[in-house]
Amino acid sequence: MTNGPPEVPSASQARKKALLGFLAVVLTLVFAGWKLSSWPVRLRYPGERNYVEGMRLAEMLHLRGGLPIYAPASAGRLDAAI
């Protein structure tokens, strides 16, 4: 332990610390802006279309379009309702 005065950082050390702090703030703002820019799309999205919900949605679309729900699958076409 020394009884002398505390060390004062040099100007270059203080400048490096200030620059590092500034870069940290800028990087944080960039990532925050990136996340915030996707919020409108996330808020308007009606929900996940998982396996169960996707089948019900496909059935409703078939009924609305007048297509038979349990029609045999044709070659090269995937029908989510069946």
PDB file of N, CA and C in Angstrom:
ATOM      1  N   MET A   1       0.830  -1.176   0.000  1.00  0.00           N
ATOM      2  CA  MET A   1       0.000   0.000   0.000  1.00  0.00           C
ATOM      3  C   MET A   1       0.873   1.236   0.000  1.00  0.00           C
ATOM      4  N   THR A   2       0.535   2.132  -0.883  1.00  0.00           N
ATOM      5  CA  THR A   2       1.289   3.383  -0.921  1.00  0.00           C
ATOM      6  C   THR A   2       0.452   4.486  -0.307  1.00  0.00           C
ATOM      7  N   ASN A   3       1.119   5.420   0.303  1.00  0.00           N
ATOM      8  CA  ASN A   3       0.425   6.543   0.927  1.00  0.00           C
ATOM      9  C   ASN A   3       0.385   7.754   0.035  1.00  0.00           C
ATOM     10  N   GLY A   4       0.889   7.619  -1.189  1.00  0.00           N
ATOM     11  CA  GLY A   4       0.931   8.757  -2.101  1.00  0.00           C
ATOM     12  C   GLY A   4      -0.416   9.020  -2.747  1.00  0.00           C
ATOM     13  N   PRO A   5      -0.458  10.060  -3.545  1.00  0.00           N
ATOM     14  CA  PRO A   5      -1.716  10.417  -4.228  1.00  0.00           C
ATOM     15  C   PRO A   5      -2.075   9.343  -5.271  1.00  0.00           C
ATOM     16  N   PRO A   6      -3.369   9.191  -5.575  1.00  0.00           N
ATOM     17  CA  PRO A   6      -3.771   8.202  -6.578  1.00  0.00           C
ATOM     18  C   PRO A   6      -3.235   8.590  -7.953  1.00  0.00           C
ATOM     19  N   GLU A   7      -3.028   7.570  -8.774  1.00  0.00           N
ATOM     20  CA  GLU A   7      -2.494   7.830 -10.110  1.00  0.00           C
ATOM     21  C   GLU A   7      -3.573   8.451 -10.988  1.00  0.00           C
ATOM     22  N   VAL A   8      -3.176   9.445 -11.746  1.00  0.00           N
ATOM     23  CA  VAL A   8      -4.076  10.114 -12.679  1.00  0.00           C
ATOM     24  C   VAL A   8      -3.832   9.501 -14.056  1.00  0.00           C
ATOM     25  N   PRO A   9      -4.887   9.008 -14.728  1.00  0.00           N
ATOM     26  CA  PRO A   9      -4.668   8.415 -16.041  1.00  0.00           C
ATOM     27  C   PRO A   9      -4.205   9.471 -17.036  1.00  0.00           C
ATOM     28  N   SER A  10      -3.377   9.036 -17.958  1.00  0.00           N
ATOM     29  CA  SER A  10      -2.885   9.966 -18.965  1.00  0.00           C
ATOM     30  C   SER A  10      -4.008  10.305 -19.937  1.00  0.00           C
ATOM     31  N   ALA A  11      -3.777  11.303 -20.755  1.00  0.00           N
ATOM     32  CA  ALA A  11      -4.789  11.763 -21.707  1.00  0.00           C
ATOM     33  C   ALA A  11      -5.105  10.676 -22.730  1.00  0.00           C
ATOM     34  N   SER A  12      -4.097   9.917 -23.153  1.00  0.00           N
ATOM     35  CA  SER A  12      -4.346   8.884 -24.152  1.00  0.00           C
ATOM     36  C   SER A  12      -5.173   7.735 -23.556  1.00  0.00           C
ATOM     37  N   GLN A  13      -4.933   7.399 -22.292  1.00  0.00           N
ATOM     38  CA  GLN A  13      -5.722   6.358 -21.641  1.00  0.00           C
ATOM     39  C   GLN A  13      -7.179   6.809 -21.482  1.00  0.00           C
ATOM     40  N   ALA A  14      -7.375   8.059 -21.105  1.00  0.00           N
ATOM     41  CA  ALA A  14      -8.721   8.599 -20.943  1.00  0.00           C
ATOM     42  C   ALA A  14      -9.439   8.633 -22.292  1.00  0.00           C
ATOM     43  N   ARG A  15      -8.714   8.973 -23.359  1.00  0.00           N
ATOM     44  CA  ARG A  15      -9.299   9.020 -24.695  1.00  0.00           C
ATOM     45  C   ARG A  15      -9.706   7.618 -25.154  1.00  0.00           C
ATOM     46  N   LYS A  16      -8.862   6.610 -24.856  1.00  0.00           N
ATOM     47  CA  LYS A  16      -9.175   5.234 -25.229  1.00  0.00           C
ATOM     48  C   LYS A  16     -10.417   4.740 -24.493  1.00  0.00           C
ATOM     49  N   LYS A  17     -10.519   5.079 -23.204  1.00  0.00           N
ATOM     50  CA  LYS A  17     -11.692   4.682 -22.430  1.00  0.00           C
ATOM     51  C   LYS A  17     -12.957   5.343 -22.972  1.00  0.00           C
ATOM     52  N   ALA A  18     -12.852   6.609 -23.308  1.00  0.00           N
ATOM     53  CA  ALA A  18     -14.009   7.328 -23.846  1.00  0.00           C
ATOM     54  C   ALA A  18     -14.418   6.750 -25.197  1.00  0.00           C
ATOM     55  N   LEU A  19     -13.451   6.415 -26.048  1.00  0.00           N
ATOM     56  CA  LEU A  19     -13.737   5.841 -27.353  1.00  0.00           C
ATOM     57  C   LEU A  19     -14.380   4.463 -27.205  1.00  0.00           C
ATOM     58  N   LEU A  20     -13.872   3.658 -26.289  1.00  0.00           N
ATOM     59  CA  LEU A  20     -14.438   2.332 -26.049  1.00  0.00           C
ATOM     60  C   LEU A  20     -15.879   2.434 -25.527  1.00  0.00           C
ATOM     61  N   GLY A  21     -16.127   3.365 -24.639  1.00  0.00           N
ATOM     62  CA  GLY A  21     -17.477   3.585 -24.137  1.00  0.00           C
ATOM     63  C   GLY A  21     -18.417   4.056 -25.239  1.00  0.00           C
ATOM     64  N   PHE A  22     -17.924   4.959 -26.090  1.00  0.00           N
ATOM     65  CA  PHE A  22     -18.725   5.454 -27.206  1.00  0.00           C
ATOM     66  C   PHE A  22     -19.065   4.322 -28.173  1.00  0.00           C
ATOM     67  N   LEU A  23     -18.096   3.467 -28.487  1.00  0.00           N
ATOM     68  CA  LEU A  23     -18.342   2.341 -29.384  1.00  0.00           C
ATOM     69  C   LEU A  23     -19.337   1.352 -28.781  1.00  0.00           C
ATOM     70  N   ALA A  24     -19.264   1.134 -27.480  1.00  0.00           N
ATOM     71  CA  ALA A  24     -20.203   0.239 -26.818  1.00  0.00           C
ATOM     72  C   ALA A  24     -21.628   0.789 -26.906  1.00  0.00           C
ATOM     73  N   VAL A  25     -21.782   2.084 -26.710  1.00  0.00           N
ATOM     74  CA  VAL A  25     -23.106   2.702 -26.798  1.00  0.00           C
ATOM     75  C   VAL A  25     -23.631   2.642 -28.233  1.00  0.00           C
ATOM     76  N   VAL A  26     -22.782   2.944 -29.207  1.00  0.00           N
ATOM     77  CA  VAL A  26     -23.198   2.908 -30.610  1.00  0.00           C
ATOM     78  C   VAL A  26     -23.607   1.490 -31.010  1.00  0.00           C
ATOM     79  N   LEU A  27     -22.820   0.502 -30.615  1.00  0.00           N
ATOM     80  CA  LEU A  27     -23.138  -0.883 -30.943  1.00  0.00           C
ATOM     81  C   LEU A  27     -24.461  -1.306 -30.301  1.00  0.00           C
ATOM     82  N   THR A  28     -24.690  -0.901 -29.077  1.00  0.00           N
ATOM     83  CA  THR A  28     -25.950  -1.203 -28.403  1.00  0.00           C
ATOM     84  C   THR A  28     -27.119  -0.546 -29.124  1.00  0.00           C
ATOM     85  N   LEU A  29     -26.959   0.693 -29.546  1.00  0.00           N
ATOM     86  CA  LEU A  29     -28.028   1.387 -30.266  1.00  0.00           C
ATOM     87  C   LEU A  29     -28.309   0.746 -31.621  1.00  0.00           C
ATOM     88  N   VAL A  30     -27.273   0.263 -32.292  1.00  0.00           N
ATOM     89  CA  VAL A  30     -27.468  -0.401 -33.590  1.00  0.00           C
ATOM     90  C   VAL A  30     -28.302  -1.669 -33.410  1.00  0.00           C
ATOM     91  N   PHE A  31     -27.942  -2.497 -32.443  1.00  0.00           N
ATOM     92  CA  PHE A  31     -28.692  -3.724 -32.220  1.00  0.00           C
ATOM     93  C   PHE A  31     -30.107  -3.445 -31.721  1.00  0.00           C
ATOM     94  N   ALA A  32     -30.274  -2.439 -30.885  1.00  0.00           N
ATOM     95  CA  ALA A  32     -31.615  -2.078 -30.415  1.00  0.00           C
ATOM     96  C   ALA A  32     -32.474  -1.588 -31.580  1.00  0.00           C
ATOM     97  N   GLY A  33     -31.900  -0.780 -32.451  1.00  0.00           N
ATOM     98  CA  GLY A  33     -32.636  -0.313 -33.630  1.00  0.00           C
ATOM     99  C   GLY A  33     -33.002  -1.447 -34.560  1.00  0.00           C
ATOM    100  N   TRP A  34     -32.101  -2.402 -34.694  1.00  0.00           N
ATOM    101  CA  TRP A  34     -32.356  -3.571 -35.543  1.00  0.00           C
ATOM    102  C   TRP A  34     -33.541  -4.372 -35.002  1.00  0.00           C
ATOM    103  N   LYS A  35     -33.569  -4.583 -33.692  1.00  0.00           N
ATOM    104  CA  LYS A  35     -34.676  -5.312 -33.081  1.00  0.00           C
ATOM    105  C   LYS A  35     -35.979  -4.514 -33.172  1.00  0.00           C
ATOM    106  N   LEU A  36     -35.923  -3.227 -32.901  1.00  0.00           N
ATOM    107  CA  LEU A  36     -37.129  -2.402 -32.936  1.00  0.00           C
ATOM    108  C   LEU A  36     -37.697  -2.289 -34.341  1.00  0.00           C
ATOM    109  N   SER A  37     -36.857  -2.367 -35.357  1.00  0.00           N
ATOM    110  CA  SER A  37     -37.348  -2.257 -36.729  1.00  0.00           C
ATOM    111  C   SER A  37     -38.200  -3.448 -37.126  1.00  0.00           C
ATOM    112  N   SER A  38     -38.058  -4.576 -36.454  1.00  0.00           N
ATOM    113  CA  SER A  38     -38.859  -5.758 -36.792  1.00  0.00           C
ATOM    114  C   SER A  38     -40.146  -5.837 -35.970  1.00  0.00           C
ATOM    115  N   TRP A  39     -40.372  -4.943 -35.037  1.00  0.00           N
ATOM    116  CA  TRP A  39     -41.565  -5.006 -34.201  1.00  0.00           C
ATOM    117  C   TRP A  39     -42.865  -4.852 -34.974  1.00  0.00           C
ATOM    118  N   PRO A  40     -42.990  -3.914 -35.930  1.00  0.00           N
ATOM    119  CA  PRO A  40     -44.273  -3.793 -36.632  1.00  0.00           C
ATOM    120  C   PRO A  40     -44.699  -5.097 -37.309  1.00  0.00           C
ATOM    121  N   VAL A  41     -43.766  -5.807 -37.907  1.00  0.00           N
ATOM    122  CA  VAL A  41     -44.095  -7.074 -38.554  1.00  0.00           C
ATOM    123  C   VAL A  41     -44.503  -8.103 -37.515  1.00  0.00           C
ATOM    124  N   ARG A  42     -43.801  -8.154 -36.417  1.00  0.00           N
ATOM    125  CA  ARG A  42     -44.123  -9.121 -35.366  1.00  0.00           C
ATOM    126  C   ARG A  42     -45.479  -8.835 -34.736  1.00  0.00           C
ATOM    127  N   LEU A  43     -45.836  -7.581 -34.610  1.00  0.00           N
ATOM    128  CA  LEU A  43     -47.116  -7.233 -33.995  1.00  0.00           C
ATOM    129  C   LEU A  43     -48.290  -7.519 -34.923  1.00  0.00           C
ATOM    130  N   ARG A  44     -48.078  -7.418 -36.240  1.00  0.00           N
ATOM    131  CA  ARG A  44     -49.158  -7.681 -37.195  1.00  0.00           C
ATOM    132  C   ARG A  44     -49.315  -9.162 -37.520  1.00  0.00           C
ATOM    133  N   TYR A  45     -48.317  -9.988 -37.230  1.00  0.00           N
ATOM    134  CA  TYR A  45     -48.384 -11.407 -37.586  1.00  0.00           C
ATOM    135  C   TYR A  45     -49.447 -12.096 -36.740  1.00  0.00           C
ATOM    136  N   PRO A  46     -50.375 -12.824 -37.364  1.00  0.00           N
ATOM    137  CA  PRO A  46     -51.498 -13.377 -36.608  1.00  0.00           C
ATOM    138  C   PRO A  46     -51.147 -14.532 -35.684  1.00  0.00           C
ATOM    139  N   GLY A  47     -50.021 -15.126 -35.827  1.00  0.00           N
ATOM    140  CA  GLY A  47     -49.644 -16.218 -34.941  1.00  0.00           C
ATOM    141  C   GLY A  47     -48.889 -17.292 -35.692  1.00  0.00           C
ATOM    142  N   GLU A  48     -48.376 -18.223 -34.954  1.00  0.00           N
ATOM    143  CA  GLU A  48     -47.622 -19.304 -35.564  1.00  0.00           C
ATOM    144  C   GLU A  48     -48.581 -20.266 -36.250  1.00  0.00           C
ATOM    145  N   ARG A  49     -48.185 -20.712 -37.412  1.00  0.00           N
ATOM    146  CA  ARG A  49     -48.968 -21.733 -38.105  1.00  0.00           C
ATOM    147  C   ARG A  49     -48.306 -23.070 -37.856  1.00  0.00           C
ATOM    148  N   ASN A  50     -48.624 -23.652 -36.746  1.00  0.00           N
ATOM    149  CA  ASN A  50     -48.031 -24.942 -36.426  1.00  0.00           C
ATOM    150  C   ASN A  50     -48.844 -26.051 -37.083  1.00  0.00           C
ATOM    151  N   TYR A  51     -48.558 -27.271 -36.768  1.00  0.00           N
ATOM    152  CA  TYR A  51     -49.182 -28.418 -37.434  1.00  0.00           C
ATOM    153  C   TYR A  51     -50.704 -28.399 -37.323  1.00  0.00           C
ATOM    154  N   VAL A  52     -51.222 -28.217 -36.117  1.00  0.00           N
ATOM    155  CA  VAL A  52     -52.668 -28.277 -35.908  1.00  0.00           C
ATOM    156  C   VAL A  52     -53.351 -27.066 -36.528  1.00  0.00           C
ATOM    157  N   GLU A  53     -52.853 -25.900 -36.255  1.00  0.00           N
ATOM    158  CA  GLU A  53     -53.476 -24.694 -36.784  1.00  0.00           C
ATOM    159  C   GLU A  53     -53.380 -24.658 -38.305  1.00  0.00           C
ATOM    160  N   GLY A  54     -52.301 -25.164 -38.868  1.00  0.00           N
ATOM    161  CA  GLY A  54     -52.129 -25.161 -40.320  1.00  0.00           C
ATOM    162  C   GLY A  54     -53.159 -26.026 -41.015  1.00  0.00           C
ATOM    163  N   MET A  55     -53.487 -27.186 -40.436  1.00  0.00           N
ATOM    164  CA  MET A  55     -54.504 -28.059 -41.037  1.00  0.00           C
ATOM    165  C   MET A  55     -55.876 -27.395 -41.003  1.00  0.00           C
ATOM    166  N   ARG A  56     -56.223 -26.798 -39.887  1.00  0.00           N
ATOM    167  CA  ARG A  56     -57.531 -26.132 -39.783  1.00  0.00           C
ATOM    168  C   ARG A  56     -57.613 -24.965 -40.755  1.00  0.00           C
ATOM    169  N   LEU A  57     -56.547 -24.211 -40.873  1.00  0.00           N
ATOM    170  CA  LEU A  57     -56.538 -23.085 -41.795  1.00  0.00           C
ATOM    171  C   LEU A  57     -56.678 -23.573 -43.232  1.00  0.00           C
ATOM    172  N   ALA A  58     -55.985 -24.656 -43.578  1.00  0.00           N
ATOM    173  CA  ALA A  58     -56.095 -25.199 -44.932  1.00  0.00           C
ATOM    174  C   ALA A  58     -57.506 -25.701 -45.205  1.00  0.00           C
ATOM    175  N   GLU A  59     -58.143 -26.336 -44.211  1.00  0.00           N
ATOM    176  CA  GLU A  59     -59.523 -26.794 -44.384  1.00  0.00           C
ATOM    177  C   GLU A  59     -60.460 -25.615 -44.614  1.00  0.00           C
ATOM    178  N   MET A  60     -60.297 -24.544 -43.859  1.00  0.00           N
ATOM    179  CA  MET A  60     -61.150 -23.372 -44.030  1.00  0.00           C
ATOM    180  C   MET A  60     -60.958 -22.753 -45.415  1.00  0.00           C
ATOM    181  N   LEU A  61     -59.728 -22.698 -45.873  1.00  0.00           N
ATOM    182  CA  LEU A  61     -59.473 -22.140 -47.198  1.00  0.00           C
ATOM    183  C   LEU A  61     -60.073 -23.017 -48.287  1.00  0.00           C
ATOM    184  N   HIS A  62     -60.008 -24.342 -48.125  1.00  0.00           N
ATOM    185  CA  HIS A  62     -60.625 -25.248 -49.099  1.00  0.00           C
ATOM    186  C   HIS A  62     -62.139 -25.057 -49.129  1.00  0.00           C
ATOM    187  N   LEU A  63     -62.754 -24.982 -47.946  1.00  0.00           N
ATOM    188  CA  LEU A  63     -64.205 -24.802 -47.885  1.00  0.00           C
ATOM    189  C   LEU A  63     -64.626 -23.474 -48.502  1.00  0.00           C
ATOM    190  N   ARG A  64     -63.863 -22.435 -48.226  1.00  0.00           N
ATOM    191  CA  ARG A  64     -64.188 -21.123 -48.777  1.00  0.00           C
ATOM    192  C   ARG A  64     -64.060 -21.117 -50.295  1.00  0.00           C
ATOM    193  N   GLY A  65     -63.077 -21.861 -50.807  1.00  0.00           N
ATOM    194  CA  GLY A  65     -62.875 -21.913 -52.249  1.00  0.00           C
ATOM    195  C   GLY A  65     -63.742 -22.939 -52.951  1.00  0.00           C
ATOM    196  N   GLY A  66     -64.548 -23.719 -52.208  1.00  0.00           N
ATOM    197  CA  GLY A  66     -65.421 -24.700 -52.814  1.00  0.00           C
ATOM    198  C   GLY A  66     -64.713 -25.987 -53.186  1.00  0.00           C
ATOM    199  N   LEU A  67     -63.517 -26.232 -52.667  1.00  0.00           N
ATOM    200  CA  LEU A  67     -62.784 -27.461 -52.969  1.00  0.00           C
ATOM    201  C   LEU A  67     -63.155 -28.537 -51.956  1.00  0.00           C
ATOM    202  N   PRO A  68     -63.181 -29.791 -52.384  1.00  0.00           N
ATOM    203  CA  PRO A  68     -63.440 -30.852 -51.413  1.00  0.00           C
ATOM    204  C   PRO A  68     -62.260 -30.995 -50.450  1.00  0.00           C
ATOM    205  N   ILE A  69     -62.563 -31.144 -49.187  1.00  0.00           N
ATOM    206  CA  ILE A  69     -61.500 -31.203 -48.181  1.00  0.00           C
ATOM    207  C   ILE A  69     -60.714 -32.503 -48.281  1.00  0.00           C
ATOM    208  N   TYR A  70     -61.421 -33.612 -48.472  1.00  0.00           N
ATOM    209  CA  TYR A  70     -60.732 -34.898 -48.452  1.00  0.00           C
ATOM    210  C   TYR A  70     -60.529 -35.474 -49.850  1.00  0.00           C
ATOM    211  N   ALA A  71     -60.247 -34.614 -50.803  1.00  0.00           N
ATOM    212  CA  ALA A  71     -59.951 -35.072 -52.159  1.00  0.00           C
ATOM    213  C   ALA A  71     -58.615 -35.802 -52.151  1.00  0.00           C
ATOM    214  N   PRO A  72     -58.472 -36.823 -53.018  1.00  0.00           N
ATOM    215  CA  PRO A  72     -57.182 -37.520 -53.058  1.00  0.00           C
ATOM    216  C   PRO A  72     -56.068 -36.575 -53.505  1.00  0.00           C
ATOM    217  N   ALA A  73     -54.911 -36.765 -52.931  1.00  0.00           N
ATOM    218  CA  ALA A  73     -53.776 -35.906 -53.263  1.00  0.00           C
ATOM    219  C   ALA A  73     -53.329 -36.171 -54.690  1.00  0.00           C
ATOM    220  N   SER A  74     -53.011 -35.110 -55.399  1.00  0.00           N
ATOM    221  CA  SER A  74     -52.513 -35.277 -56.759  1.00  0.00           C
ATOM    222  C   SER A  74     -50.992 -35.380 -56.723  1.00  0.00           C
ATOM    223  N   ALA A  75     -50.426 -35.909 -57.775  1.00  0.00           N
ATOM    224  CA  ALA A  75     -48.969 -36.079 -57.840  1.00  0.00           C
ATOM    225  C   ALA A  75     -48.282 -34.713 -57.867  1.00  0.00           C
ATOM    226  N   GLY A  76     -47.278 -34.572 -57.046  1.00  0.00           N
ATOM    227  CA  GLY A  76     -46.496 -33.338 -57.041  1.00  0.00           C
ATOM    228  C   GLY A  76     -47.149 -32.190 -56.291  1.00  0.00           C
ATOM    229  N   ARG A  77     -48.232 -32.442 -55.570  1.00  0.00           N
ATOM    230  CA  ARG A  77     -48.900 -31.372 -54.825  1.00  0.00           C
ATOM    231  C   ARG A  77     -49.137 -31.844 -53.400  1.00  0.00           C
ATOM    232  N   LEU A  78     -48.705 -31.037 -52.467  1.00  0.00           N
ATOM    233  CA  LEU A  78     -48.908 -31.355 -51.054  1.00  0.00           C
ATOM    234  C   LEU A  78     -50.155 -30.621 -50.584  1.00  0.00           C
ATOM    235  N   ASP A  79     -51.074 -31.340 -50.029  1.00  0.00           N
ATOM    236  CA  ASP A  79     -52.298 -30.738 -49.516  1.00  0.00           C
ATOM    237  C   ASP A  79     -52.239 -30.772 -47.987  1.00  0.00           C
ATOM    238  N   ALA A  80     -52.186 -29.617 -47.388  1.00  0.00           N
ATOM    239  CA  ALA A  80     -52.021 -29.546 -45.930  1.00  0.00           C
ATOM    240  C   ALA A  80     -53.272 -29.944 -45.185  1.00  0.00           C
ATOM    241  N   ALA A  81     -54.425 -29.949 -45.860  1.00  0.00           N
ATOM    242  CA  ALA A  81     -55.669 -30.267 -45.160  1.00  0.00           C
ATOM    243  C   ALA A  81     -55.829 -31.751 -44.883  1.00  0.00           C
ATOM    244  N   ILE A  82     -55.114 -32.593 -45.616  1.00  0.00           N
ATOM    245  CA  ILE A  82     -55.306 -34.037 -45.382  1.00  0.00           C
ATOM    246  C   ILE A  82     -54.059 -34.636 -44.828  1.00  0.00           C
TER     247      ILE A  82
END
